[in-house]
Every structure is written in C-alpha cells, then in structure tokens.
Amino acid sequence: MKIPYKLIWHSFLILYLFLSGCASNKNTYIEENLEALPEYLEETYLATQTTQETIEELYRLNDIELPPYKLGPGDKMKIYVYDEPELDSDVVIVKQDGTLSYRLVGEVDVTGLTIPEATEIIEDKLKDYILYPEVSIIPFEARSSTVTILG
C-alpha cells in the first residue's frame, strides 16, 4: 500500500507550523517604563503614609473625651418605667421651651440636663405615686444639636 505524497507533505507542513509556533526568539525584549517607576513608588509610599496618618488621627479622635449629651428643644425620646407598662411612652418630645410632658409628673424642665439628670428628676417626681420607680430614658432623635459634615 502506497502512502500518497500529498498526505506526507501536508503532515510535515502541519508539524512544521506547530513547532514553529512553539519556538521562541532569544532576543525577546520586554519594554519597561523605568522612568515612571520612581513616581509609582513615591505614590505608593504616599498612599501608605496617608493611611498611617489616617489611622493615627482616628486613634487620637477616639481618645477625645466628649462631654455628655445635654437635652434640648426638639429631642425625641422613649421613657420606660420598670414594671409599670402603663407609664411607658414611646415618643416624648422636648418642647421649644425646654420642657417635656409626662404622665403623673406633668411638665418637667430638662433643658441643659444630661440623660441621667433628667432620669433622676422624673424618678423623684414619680416617688409620690410609685414605690422605688426605675426610669429609663432612651433618646432616639436629637434635634437640639446640629452637625455639619463638609468634604
């Protein structure tokens, strides 16, 4: 049986093309932009430095002792009395004159008071009606303070 000449020729041609595609040129040169490298490294250093400075600044901010929050007009809070569910109020608003209205005690002036101070005043007024009242004041909306964020 004779192998056709064209089949051998095509086989060698395919083998040649396959092997030539796998060959590499020893003079391959990868162009690098060495002039941009120092600038890139400087930017990387600055980014790292900025991150470190930011972390240090956050630690400093965390160490600042803030004054206690003081109640003022427009503040909204919840007031709960332990073991007295009929006295619980889900929304109590400090009026523009700095007072709040609460069951049994009436008007209470809370302007400039901290939450523990306001709690103590309400507990003292409730002692006329309840034995050992335990009051919890939970603010959920602070209107008396304005915060402006720029940037």
N, C-alpha and C. Protein backbone atom coordinates (compact mmCIF):
# COMPACT_ATOMS: atom_id res chain seq x y z
N MET A 1 0.84 -1.15 0.00
CA MET A 1 0.00 0.00 0.00
C MET A 1 0.90 1.22 0.00
N LYS A 2 0.58 2.10 -0.87
CA LYS A 2 1.40 3.27 -1.07
C LYS A 2 0.74 4.46 -0.38
N ILE A 3 1.55 5.25 0.39
CA ILE A 3 1.04 6.44 1.07
C ILE A 3 1.10 7.59 0.10
N PRO A 4 0.02 8.31 -0.05
CA PRO A 4 0.02 9.41 -1.01
C PRO A 4 1.01 10.50 -0.61
N TYR A 5 1.63 11.05 -1.62
CA TYR A 5 2.63 12.09 -1.45
C TYR A 5 2.03 13.33 -0.79
N LYS A 6 0.84 13.69 -1.16
CA LYS A 6 0.19 14.88 -0.61
C LYS A 6 -0.07 14.73 0.89
N LEU A 7 -0.41 13.56 1.35
CA LEU A 7 -0.66 13.34 2.77
C LEU A 7 0.61 13.53 3.58
N ILE A 8 1.72 13.01 3.09
CA ILE A 8 3.00 13.20 3.78
C ILE A 8 3.37 14.68 3.79
N TRP A 9 3.20 15.32 2.65
CA TRP A 9 3.53 16.74 2.53
C TRP A 9 2.69 17.58 3.49
N HIS A 10 1.41 17.35 3.57
CA HIS A 10 0.53 18.09 4.47
C HIS A 10 0.87 17.80 5.94
N SER A 11 1.22 16.57 6.25
CA SER A 11 1.59 16.21 7.63
C SER A 11 2.84 16.96 8.07
N PHE A 12 3.86 17.01 7.18
CA PHE A 12 5.08 17.75 7.52
C PHE A 12 4.81 19.25 7.64
N LEU A 13 3.95 19.76 6.79
CA LEU A 13 3.63 21.18 6.83
C LEU A 13 2.93 21.54 8.15
N ILE A 14 2.00 20.73 8.57
CA ILE A 14 1.30 20.97 9.83
C ILE A 14 2.26 20.84 11.01
N LEU A 15 3.13 19.83 10.98
CA LEU A 15 4.12 19.65 12.04
C LEU A 15 5.06 20.84 12.11
N TYR A 16 5.49 21.34 10.94
CA TYR A 16 6.38 22.50 10.88
C TYR A 16 5.70 23.74 11.47
N LEU A 17 4.48 23.98 11.09
CA LEU A 17 3.76 25.14 11.61
C LEU A 17 3.54 25.03 13.12
N PHE A 18 3.24 23.85 13.58
CA PHE A 18 3.03 23.64 15.00
C PHE A 18 4.31 23.90 15.79
N LEU A 19 5.41 23.35 15.33
CA LEU A 19 6.68 23.52 16.03
C LEU A 19 7.21 24.94 15.93
N SER A 20 6.98 25.60 14.82
CA SER A 20 7.46 26.98 14.70
C SER A 20 6.67 27.92 15.61
N GLY A 21 5.42 27.59 15.89
CA GLY A 21 4.63 28.39 16.81
C GLY A 21 5.11 28.25 18.25
N CYS A 22 5.72 27.13 18.57
CA CYS A 22 6.21 26.90 19.92
C CYS A 22 7.62 27.45 20.12
N ALA A 23 8.30 27.77 19.06
CA ALA A 23 9.67 28.27 19.17
C ALA A 23 9.66 29.67 19.74
N SER A 24 10.73 30.04 20.43
CA SER A 24 10.83 31.38 20.98
C SER A 24 12.06 32.08 20.44
N ASN A 25 11.99 33.38 20.42
CA ASN A 25 13.11 34.17 19.97
C ASN A 25 13.92 34.55 21.19
N LYS A 26 15.17 34.24 21.21
CA LYS A 26 16.02 34.51 22.37
C LYS A 26 16.21 36.01 22.58
N ASN A 27 15.96 36.82 21.58
CA ASN A 27 16.17 38.26 21.68
C ASN A 27 14.89 38.99 22.08
N THR A 28 14.00 38.33 22.79
CA THR A 28 12.76 38.95 23.22
C THR A 28 13.08 40.05 24.23
N TYR A 29 12.48 41.21 24.04
CA TYR A 29 12.73 42.36 24.90
C TYR A 29 11.39 42.89 25.39
N ILE A 30 11.23 42.93 26.69
CA ILE A 30 10.01 43.48 27.27
C ILE A 30 10.31 44.92 27.65
N GLU A 31 9.57 45.80 27.06
CA GLU A 31 9.81 47.21 27.30
C GLU A 31 9.21 47.62 28.63
N GLU A 32 10.02 48.19 29.49
CA GLU A 32 9.56 48.67 30.78
C GLU A 32 9.74 50.18 30.83
N ASN A 33 8.83 50.81 31.47
CA ASN A 33 8.92 52.25 31.61
C ASN A 33 9.63 52.53 32.93
N LEU A 34 10.95 52.49 32.90
CA LEU A 34 11.73 52.67 34.12
C LEU A 34 11.66 54.10 34.64
N GLU A 35 11.33 55.04 33.78
CA GLU A 35 11.22 56.42 34.22
C GLU A 35 10.00 56.62 35.12
N ALA A 36 8.94 55.87 34.90
CA ALA A 36 7.73 56.01 35.70
C ALA A 36 7.83 55.26 37.02
N LEU A 37 8.78 54.35 37.14
CA LEU A 37 8.89 53.52 38.34
C LEU A 37 9.10 54.35 39.61
N PRO A 38 10.04 55.31 39.65
CA PRO A 38 10.19 56.09 40.89
C PRO A 38 8.92 56.86 41.26
N GLU A 39 8.22 57.38 40.26
CA GLU A 39 6.98 58.11 40.54
C GLU A 39 5.93 57.18 41.13
N TYR A 40 5.84 55.97 40.60
CA TYR A 40 4.89 54.98 41.11
C TYR A 40 5.24 54.62 42.55
N LEU A 41 6.53 54.40 42.82
CA LEU A 41 6.94 54.05 44.17
C LEU A 41 6.66 55.20 45.14
N GLU A 42 6.85 56.43 44.69
CA GLU A 42 6.57 57.58 45.54
C GLU A 42 5.08 57.66 45.86
N GLU A 43 4.24 57.42 44.85
CA GLU A 43 2.79 57.44 45.08
C GLU A 43 2.38 56.33 46.05
N THR A 44 3.01 55.16 45.91
CA THR A 44 2.71 54.06 46.82
C THR A 44 3.11 54.43 48.24
N TYR A 45 4.26 55.05 48.40
CA TYR A 45 4.72 55.47 49.72
C TYR A 45 3.76 56.50 50.31
N LEU A 46 3.35 57.47 49.49
CA LEU A 46 2.43 58.50 49.97
C LEU A 46 1.09 57.90 50.38
N ALA A 47 0.61 56.93 49.61
CA ALA A 47 -0.65 56.28 49.95
C ALA A 47 -0.52 55.54 51.28
N THR A 48 0.59 54.86 51.48
CA THR A 48 0.82 54.15 52.74
C THR A 48 0.94 55.14 53.88
N GLN A 49 1.68 56.22 53.64
CA GLN A 49 1.85 57.24 54.66
C GLN A 49 0.51 57.87 55.02
N THR A 50 -0.30 58.16 54.03
CA THR A 50 -1.62 58.75 54.28
C THR A 50 -2.48 57.79 55.10
N THR A 51 -2.40 56.51 54.79
CA THR A 51 -3.17 55.52 55.54
C THR A 51 -2.71 55.49 57.00
N GLN A 52 -1.41 55.51 57.22
CA GLN A 52 -0.89 55.52 58.59
C GLN A 52 -1.32 56.78 59.33
N GLU A 53 -1.24 57.92 58.65
CA GLU A 53 -1.66 59.17 59.28
C GLU A 53 -3.14 59.14 59.62
N THR A 54 -3.94 58.56 58.73
CA THR A 54 -5.38 58.45 58.98
C THR A 54 -5.66 57.58 60.20
N ILE A 55 -4.95 56.47 60.29
CA ILE A 55 -5.14 55.57 61.44
C ILE A 55 -4.75 56.28 62.73
N GLU A 56 -3.63 57.00 62.70
CA GLU A 56 -3.20 57.72 63.90
C GLU A 56 -4.22 58.80 64.28
N GLU A 57 -4.75 59.49 63.28
CA GLU A 57 -5.76 60.52 63.55
C GLU A 57 -7.02 59.91 64.15
N LEU A 58 -7.42 58.74 63.65
CA LEU A 58 -8.60 58.07 64.20
C LEU A 58 -8.37 57.66 65.65
N TYR A 59 -7.15 57.19 65.97
CA TYR A 59 -6.84 56.86 67.36
C TYR A 59 -6.91 58.10 68.24
N ARG A 60 -6.39 59.23 67.73
CA ARG A 60 -6.45 60.47 68.51
C ARG A 60 -7.90 60.90 68.73
N LEU A 61 -8.73 60.78 67.70
CA LEU A 61 -10.14 61.15 67.84
C LEU A 61 -10.86 60.24 68.83
N ASN A 62 -10.47 58.98 68.85
CA ASN A 62 -11.09 58.02 69.75
C ASN A 62 -10.74 58.33 71.21
N ASP A 63 -9.57 58.94 71.43
CA ASP A 63 -9.13 59.25 72.79
C ASP A 63 -9.76 60.53 73.34
N ILE A 64 -10.39 61.33 72.48
CA ILE A 64 -11.00 62.57 72.93
C ILE A 64 -12.23 62.24 73.78
N GLU A 65 -12.28 62.82 74.95
CA GLU A 65 -13.43 62.58 75.82
C GLU A 65 -14.49 63.64 75.52
N LEU A 66 -15.63 63.18 75.06
CA LEU A 66 -16.71 64.08 74.69
C LEU A 66 -17.55 64.43 75.91
N PRO A 67 -18.08 65.65 75.95
CA PRO A 67 -18.96 65.99 77.07
C PRO A 67 -20.26 65.19 76.95
N PRO A 68 -20.92 64.94 78.07
CA PRO A 68 -22.18 64.18 78.00
C PRO A 68 -23.24 64.97 77.22
N TYR A 69 -24.11 64.23 76.57
CA TYR A 69 -25.16 64.86 75.77
C TYR A 69 -26.14 65.57 76.68
N LYS A 70 -26.52 66.78 76.28
CA LYS A 70 -27.49 67.57 77.04
C LYS A 70 -28.77 67.68 76.23
N LEU A 71 -29.88 67.49 76.91
CA LEU A 71 -31.18 67.55 76.26
C LEU A 71 -31.54 68.98 75.89
N GLY A 72 -32.30 69.11 74.81
CA GLY A 72 -32.72 70.43 74.37
C GLY A 72 -34.00 70.35 73.55
N PRO A 73 -34.53 71.49 73.12
CA PRO A 73 -35.78 71.51 72.36
C PRO A 73 -35.71 70.66 71.10
N GLY A 74 -36.78 69.91 70.86
CA GLY A 74 -36.87 69.08 69.67
C GLY A 74 -36.37 67.66 69.84
N ASP A 75 -35.71 67.36 70.96
CA ASP A 75 -35.23 65.99 71.19
C ASP A 75 -36.42 65.06 71.37
N LYS A 76 -36.29 63.86 70.79
CA LYS A 76 -37.33 62.85 70.96
C LYS A 76 -36.73 61.68 71.72
N MET A 77 -37.52 61.13 72.63
CA MET A 77 -37.02 60.04 73.46
C MET A 77 -38.15 59.10 73.85
N LYS A 78 -37.74 57.94 74.31
CA LYS A 78 -38.68 56.97 74.88
C LYS A 78 -38.43 56.96 76.38
N ILE A 79 -39.50 56.89 77.14
CA ILE A 79 -39.37 56.82 78.60
C ILE A 79 -40.09 55.55 79.06
N TYR A 80 -39.33 54.72 79.76
CA TYR A 80 -39.88 53.47 80.30
C TYR A 80 -39.72 53.47 81.81
N VAL A 81 -40.75 52.96 82.49
CA VAL A 81 -40.69 52.78 83.94
C VAL A 81 -40.77 51.27 84.18
N TYR A 82 -39.74 50.76 84.84
CA TYR A 82 -39.65 49.32 85.08
C TYR A 82 -40.87 48.82 85.86
N ASP A 83 -41.45 47.76 85.34
CA ASP A 83 -42.58 47.07 85.97
C ASP A 83 -43.84 47.94 86.04
N GLU A 84 -43.91 48.99 85.23
CA GLU A 84 -45.10 49.84 85.15
C GLU A 84 -45.40 50.12 83.67
N PRO A 85 -45.88 49.13 82.92
CA PRO A 85 -46.07 49.30 81.47
C PRO A 85 -47.06 50.40 81.10
N GLU A 86 -47.99 50.74 82.00
CA GLU A 86 -48.95 51.80 81.66
C GLU A 86 -48.30 53.18 81.66
N LEU A 87 -47.09 53.31 82.21
CA LEU A 87 -46.39 54.59 82.20
C LEU A 87 -45.37 54.71 81.06
N ASP A 88 -45.19 53.63 80.31
CA ASP A 88 -44.23 53.67 79.20
C ASP A 88 -44.72 54.60 78.10
N SER A 89 -43.81 55.41 77.57
CA SER A 89 -44.12 56.32 76.47
C SER A 89 -43.12 56.10 75.35
N ASP A 90 -43.63 55.80 74.17
CA ASP A 90 -42.74 55.55 73.03
C ASP A 90 -42.19 56.83 72.43
N VAL A 91 -42.93 57.93 72.52
CA VAL A 91 -42.45 59.19 71.97
C VAL A 91 -42.75 60.32 72.95
N VAL A 92 -41.68 60.90 73.47
CA VAL A 92 -41.79 62.10 74.30
C VAL A 92 -40.90 63.14 73.65
N ILE A 93 -41.45 64.31 73.38
CA ILE A 93 -40.71 65.37 72.68
C ILE A 93 -40.46 66.53 73.63
N VAL A 94 -39.22 67.01 73.64
CA VAL A 94 -38.90 68.20 74.43
C VAL A 94 -39.42 69.40 73.64
N LYS A 95 -40.30 70.18 74.28
CA LYS A 95 -40.91 71.33 73.61
C LYS A 95 -39.90 72.47 73.45
N GLN A 96 -40.30 73.48 72.70
CA GLN A 96 -39.41 74.61 72.42
C GLN A 96 -39.00 75.36 73.69
N ASP A 97 -39.84 75.30 74.72
CA ASP A 97 -39.47 75.98 75.97
C ASP A 97 -38.57 75.11 76.85
N GLY A 98 -38.22 73.89 76.37
CA GLY A 98 -37.29 73.03 77.10
C GLY A 98 -37.94 72.09 78.09
N THR A 99 -39.26 71.99 78.04
CA THR A 99 -39.95 71.09 78.97
C THR A 99 -40.51 69.89 78.21
N LEU A 100 -40.78 68.84 78.96
CA LEU A 100 -41.48 67.69 78.39
C LEU A 100 -42.65 67.36 79.30
N SER A 101 -43.67 66.78 78.72
CA SER A 101 -44.86 66.38 79.48
C SER A 101 -44.81 64.88 79.65
N TYR A 102 -45.03 64.46 80.92
CA TYR A 102 -45.01 63.02 81.19
C TYR A 102 -46.13 62.69 82.17
N ARG A 103 -46.68 61.51 82.01
CA ARG A 103 -47.81 61.08 82.85
C ARG A 103 -47.46 61.17 84.34
N LEU A 104 -48.42 61.57 85.10
CA LEU A 104 -48.36 61.70 86.56
C LEU A 104 -47.49 62.85 87.04
N VAL A 105 -46.40 63.17 86.35
CA VAL A 105 -45.50 64.22 86.85
C VAL A 105 -45.73 65.55 86.18
N GLY A 106 -46.41 65.57 85.04
CA GLY A 106 -46.70 66.81 84.34
C GLY A 106 -45.49 67.35 83.58
N GLU A 107 -45.30 68.67 83.65
CA GLU A 107 -44.21 69.33 82.92
C GLU A 107 -42.90 69.20 83.70
N VAL A 108 -41.85 68.83 82.97
CA VAL A 108 -40.52 68.71 83.58
C VAL A 108 -39.55 69.50 82.70
N ASP A 109 -38.83 70.45 83.32
CA ASP A 109 -37.85 71.24 82.57
C ASP A 109 -36.55 70.43 82.46
N VAL A 110 -36.17 70.08 81.23
CA VAL A 110 -34.98 69.24 81.02
C VAL A 110 -33.90 69.94 80.19
N THR A 111 -34.09 71.22 79.88
CA THR A 111 -33.11 71.92 79.05
C THR A 111 -31.75 71.93 79.73
N GLY A 112 -30.74 71.50 79.02
CA GLY A 112 -29.37 71.51 79.54
C GLY A 112 -29.05 70.38 80.48
N LEU A 113 -30.00 69.50 80.74
CA LEU A 113 -29.74 68.36 81.62
C LEU A 113 -29.20 67.18 80.83
N THR A 114 -28.36 66.38 81.47
CA THR A 114 -27.93 65.13 80.84
C THR A 114 -29.05 64.11 81.04
N ILE A 115 -28.95 63.00 80.36
CA ILE A 115 -29.98 61.96 80.47
C ILE A 115 -30.06 61.41 81.89
N PRO A 116 -28.93 61.12 82.56
CA PRO A 116 -29.05 60.65 83.95
C PRO A 116 -29.69 61.69 84.88
N GLU A 117 -29.42 62.98 84.66
CA GLU A 117 -30.03 64.02 85.50
C GLU A 117 -31.54 64.08 85.27
N ALA A 118 -31.96 64.01 84.01
CA ALA A 118 -33.39 64.03 83.71
C ALA A 118 -34.07 62.79 84.27
N THR A 119 -33.40 61.65 84.19
CA THR A 119 -33.94 60.41 84.74
C THR A 119 -34.16 60.56 86.24
N GLU A 120 -33.19 61.13 86.93
CA GLU A 120 -33.30 61.30 88.38
C GLU A 120 -34.47 62.22 88.75
N ILE A 121 -34.65 63.30 88.00
CA ILE A 121 -35.76 64.23 88.29
C ILE A 121 -37.11 63.53 88.11
N ILE A 122 -37.25 62.77 87.02
CA ILE A 122 -38.53 62.08 86.77
C ILE A 122 -38.76 61.01 87.84
N GLU A 123 -37.70 60.30 88.24
CA GLU A 123 -37.85 59.30 89.31
C GLU A 123 -38.28 59.96 90.62
N ASP A 124 -37.68 61.11 90.94
CA ASP A 124 -38.06 61.81 92.18
C ASP A 124 -39.53 62.22 92.16
N LYS A 125 -40.01 62.69 91.02
CA LYS A 125 -41.42 63.11 90.93
C LYS A 125 -42.37 61.91 90.95
N LEU A 126 -41.90 60.76 90.42
CA LEU A 126 -42.75 59.56 90.42
C LEU A 126 -42.82 58.90 91.79
N LYS A 127 -41.89 59.23 92.69
CA LYS A 127 -41.89 58.60 94.02
C LYS A 127 -43.15 58.93 94.83
N ASP A 128 -43.84 60.00 94.44
CA ASP A 128 -45.11 60.32 95.11
C ASP A 128 -46.20 59.31 94.76
N TYR A 129 -46.03 58.60 93.64
CA TYR A 129 -47.06 57.67 93.15
C TYR A 129 -46.62 56.21 93.14
N ILE A 130 -45.32 55.98 92.98
CA ILE A 130 -44.80 54.61 92.84
C ILE A 130 -43.65 54.43 93.83
N LEU A 131 -43.60 53.27 94.45
CA LEU A 131 -42.51 52.96 95.37
C LEU A 131 -41.29 52.51 94.57
N TYR A 132 -40.18 53.19 94.72
CA TYR A 132 -38.91 52.90 94.05
C TYR A 132 -39.04 52.80 92.52
N PRO A 133 -39.42 53.88 91.87
CA PRO A 133 -39.52 53.82 90.40
C PRO A 133 -38.13 53.75 89.75
N GLU A 134 -38.04 52.97 88.71
CA GLU A 134 -36.81 52.86 87.93
C GLU A 134 -37.13 53.32 86.51
N VAL A 135 -36.61 54.49 86.15
CA VAL A 135 -36.93 55.12 84.87
C VAL A 135 -35.76 54.94 83.92
N SER A 136 -36.09 54.66 82.66
CA SER A 136 -35.09 54.61 81.59
C SER A 136 -35.49 55.60 80.52
N ILE A 137 -34.56 56.49 80.18
CA ILE A 137 -34.79 57.45 79.09
C ILE A 137 -33.88 57.05 77.95
N ILE A 138 -34.48 56.83 76.79
CA ILE A 138 -33.73 56.41 75.60
C ILE A 138 -33.97 57.41 74.49
N PRO A 139 -32.99 58.30 74.24
CA PRO A 139 -33.17 59.26 73.14
C PRO A 139 -33.02 58.56 71.79
N PHE A 140 -33.85 58.93 70.84
CA PHE A 140 -33.72 58.33 69.51
C PHE A 140 -33.65 59.38 68.40
N GLU A 141 -33.86 60.64 68.74
CA GLU A 141 -33.70 61.69 67.74
C GLU A 141 -33.27 62.97 68.45
N ALA A 142 -32.11 63.47 68.07
CA ALA A 142 -31.56 64.67 68.70
C ALA A 142 -31.70 65.84 67.75
N ARG A 143 -32.62 66.74 68.05
CA ARG A 143 -32.83 67.92 67.21
C ARG A 143 -32.08 69.13 67.75
N SER A 144 -31.69 69.09 69.02
CA SER A 144 -31.09 70.27 69.63
C SER A 144 -29.64 70.47 69.20
N SER A 145 -29.03 69.45 68.60
CA SER A 145 -27.65 69.57 68.14
C SER A 145 -27.62 69.56 66.63
N THR A 146 -26.78 70.40 66.07
CA THR A 146 -26.62 70.45 64.62
C THR A 146 -25.23 69.98 64.26
N VAL A 147 -25.15 69.05 63.34
CA VAL A 147 -23.87 68.53 62.88
C VAL A 147 -23.74 68.86 61.41
N THR A 148 -22.60 69.44 61.03
CA THR A 148 -22.33 69.75 59.64
C THR A 148 -21.11 68.98 59.19
N ILE A 149 -21.24 68.23 58.12
CA ILE A 149 -20.13 67.45 57.58
C ILE A 149 -19.77 68.03 56.23
N LEU A 150 -18.53 68.45 56.09
CA LEU A 150 -18.04 69.00 54.84
C LEU A 150 -17.03 68.05 54.23
N GLY A 151 -17.01 68.00 52.92
CA GLY A 151 -15.97 67.20 52.27
C GLY A 151 -16.51 66.13 51.41
